[in-house]
Amino acid sequence: GSHYRPDVTDSAIRKAVVSTQSTGDLQWMIIRNNSCFLVKSLGTTLTREPNNISAKNSFKANGLVNKHVVGIKGADKGVVLTTKSKGRLTNTTLSRGGRRTIKTIRAATAGSHYRPDLTDSAIRKASAIIRSQKNKNVAKRRSRKYKN
């Protein structure tokens, strides 16, 4: 006999796969090589998905399929720390100085045993964003008065 089941349609399979109850491993197998966020450059595959700190296309860094997520993005002043708990994303704006921001990120990740493996890359990304927000001191050309 054949293994064809007429009662199971492609849309039913898609709904089952995309449902929130399916495991992260299954979701990762589906989006690993086929995602609108993928960017292939110079032999490496990067990704632009939200809450992916390192921009690497890997299960560990993926912000879509993991149960626990750490995301860093820039705000008007400071950075926004994104975490996921009970399936809900929580955004926290950290804007009270660079050292305090880094201390807060370290406490929220490694300090509370929430994805300690992403602590270093989160701090690195937050530091880069804070550094880019600082005022740049542009050396002004001073006009010299010549003696006549």
Protein backbone atom coordinates (compact mmCIF):
# COMPACT_ATOMS: atom_id res chain seq x y z
CA GLY A 1 0.00 0.00 0.00
CA SER A 2 0.93 3.60 -0.49
CA HIS A 3 1.67 6.02 2.34
CA TYR A 4 -0.41 8.84 0.88
CA ARG A 5 -2.91 10.32 3.29
CA PRO A 6 -5.51 12.47 1.51
CA ASP A 7 -6.82 13.93 4.77
CA VAL A 8 -3.49 15.65 5.56
CA THR A 9 -2.96 18.79 3.47
CA ASP A 10 0.12 20.95 3.08
CA SER A 11 -1.54 23.80 4.97
CA ALA A 12 -2.34 21.48 7.89
CA ILE A 13 1.30 20.41 8.02
CA ARG A 14 2.45 24.04 7.90
CA LYS A 15 0.09 25.01 10.72
CA ALA A 16 1.36 22.14 12.87
CA VAL A 17 4.98 23.07 12.23
CA VAL A 18 4.57 26.80 12.84
CA SER A 19 2.43 26.42 15.95
CA THR A 20 3.96 27.64 19.17
CA GLN A 21 3.75 24.15 20.66
CA SER A 22 6.26 22.67 18.22
CA THR A 23 9.80 22.36 19.49
CA GLY A 24 12.59 24.80 18.75
CA ASP A 25 14.62 22.04 17.09
CA LEU A 26 11.91 21.40 14.51
CA GLN A 27 11.47 25.12 13.87
CA TRP A 28 15.24 25.50 13.48
CA MET A 29 15.38 22.66 10.95
CA ILE A 30 12.79 24.49 8.86
CA ILE A 31 14.20 28.03 8.95
CA ARG A 32 17.90 27.10 9.01
CA ASN A 33 18.38 27.33 5.26
CA ASN A 34 15.17 29.10 4.32
CA SER A 35 14.46 32.41 6.03
CA CYS A 36 13.85 35.96 4.86
CA PHE A 37 16.48 37.15 7.36
CA LEU A 38 19.40 35.20 5.84
CA VAL A 39 22.30 37.13 4.32
CA LYS A 40 24.98 35.14 2.52
CA SER A 41 28.29 36.93 2.10
CA LEU A 42 31.82 35.72 1.39
CA GLY A 43 31.03 32.10 2.15
CA THR A 44 29.42 32.76 5.54
CA THR A 45 25.73 32.88 6.34
CA LEU A 46 24.62 35.72 8.58
CA THR A 47 21.14 36.69 9.68
CA ARG A 48 19.25 39.91 10.38
CA GLU A 49 16.57 38.44 12.61
CA PRO A 50 15.48 40.34 15.72
CA ASN A 51 17.07 39.36 19.04
CA ASN A 52 20.05 37.65 17.42
CA ILE A 53 23.03 39.29 19.10
CA SER A 54 25.91 37.86 17.11
CA ALA A 55 24.17 37.90 13.67
CA LYS A 56 25.35 34.31 13.14
CA ASN A 57 22.95 31.82 11.61
CA SER A 58 23.09 29.26 14.41
CA PHE A 59 20.58 27.63 16.73
CA LYS A 60 22.29 29.07 19.79
CA ALA A 61 22.06 32.67 18.60
CA ASN A 62 18.65 32.41 16.92
CA GLY A 63 16.10 34.86 18.28
CA LEU A 64 13.04 33.19 16.79
CA VAL A 65 13.15 29.54 17.85
CA ASN A 66 14.81 29.64 21.28
CA LYS A 67 12.79 29.52 24.47
CA HIS A 68 15.07 32.07 26.16
CA VAL A 69 16.20 35.08 24.12
CA VAL A 70 18.55 37.99 24.75
CA GLY A 71 18.40 40.93 22.36
CA ILE A 72 20.17 44.29 22.32
CA LYS A 73 19.23 47.20 20.09
CA GLY A 74 19.81 50.94 20.15
CA ALA A 75 17.39 53.46 21.63
CA ASP A 76 17.34 57.25 21.36
CA LYS A 77 19.61 57.35 24.38
CA GLY A 78 21.06 54.07 25.62
CA VAL A 79 20.08 50.53 24.63
CA VAL A 80 17.01 48.29 24.82
CA LEU A 81 17.45 44.86 26.43
CA THR A 82 14.94 42.27 25.21
CA THR A 83 14.27 39.01 27.05
CA LYS A 84 11.58 36.37 26.64
CA SER A 85 9.66 34.81 29.49
CA LYS A 86 6.57 32.61 29.17
CA GLY A 87 6.54 33.26 25.44
CA ARG A 88 6.28 37.02 25.89
CA LEU A 89 9.02 39.45 24.89
CA THR A 90 9.98 42.05 27.49
CA ASN A 91 11.79 45.25 26.46
CA THR A 92 13.80 47.20 29.05
CA THR A 93 15.41 50.53 28.18
CA LEU A 94 18.81 51.04 29.81
CA SER A 95 19.93 54.66 29.56
CA ARG A 96 21.76 55.58 32.76
CA GLY A 97 25.38 55.39 31.67
CA GLY A 98 27.63 52.83 30.04
CA ARG A 99 29.04 51.05 33.08
CA ARG A 100 25.65 50.78 34.73
CA THR A 101 24.13 49.40 31.51
CA ILE A 102 26.82 46.72 31.25
CA LYS A 103 26.34 45.82 34.91
CA THR A 104 22.57 45.49 34.36
CA ILE A 105 23.04 43.29 31.27
CA ARG A 106 25.47 41.03 33.16
CA ALA A 107 23.00 40.75 36.08
CA ALA A 108 20.08 39.99 33.75
CA THR A 109 21.92 37.24 31.86
CA ALA A 110 24.66 35.45 33.79
CA GLY A 111 23.67 36.80 37.21
CA SER A 112 20.17 35.34 37.04
CA HIS A 113 21.19 32.17 35.13
CA TYR A 114 19.28 33.37 32.03
CA ARG A 115 21.37 32.51 28.95
CA PRO A 116 24.82 33.07 30.50
CA ASP A 117 26.34 31.92 27.19
CA LEU A 118 25.13 35.15 25.51
CA THR A 119 26.46 37.53 28.18
CA ASP A 120 29.73 38.44 26.46
CA SER A 121 28.18 39.05 23.05
CA ALA A 122 25.36 41.11 24.63
CA ILE A 123 27.87 43.30 26.46
CA ARG A 124 29.97 43.65 23.32
CA LYS A 125 26.98 44.77 21.25
CA ALA A 126 25.72 47.17 23.94
CA SER A 127 29.20 48.70 24.27
CA ALA A 128 29.37 49.28 20.51
CA ILE A 129 25.95 50.96 20.51
CA ILE A 130 26.83 53.17 23.50
CA ARG A 131 30.16 54.09 21.89
CA SER A 132 28.39 55.08 18.69
CA GLN A 133 25.98 57.34 20.61
CA LYS A 134 28.69 59.41 22.27
CA ASN A 135 29.45 62.84 20.92
CA LYS A 136 32.25 62.83 18.46
CA ASN A 137 34.84 65.50 19.09
CA VAL A 138 35.65 66.86 15.68
CA ALA A 139 38.89 68.79 15.62
CA LYS A 140 38.08 72.25 14.34
CA ARG A 141 40.55 73.93 12.04
CA ARG A 142 41.67 77.04 13.78
CA SER A 143 42.26 79.99 11.61
CA ARG A 144 45.55 81.61 12.36
CA LYS A 145 45.99 85.30 12.20
CA TYR A 146 49.03 86.13 10.18
CA LYS A 147 51.30 88.93 11.21
CA ASN A 148 51.68 91.60 8.57
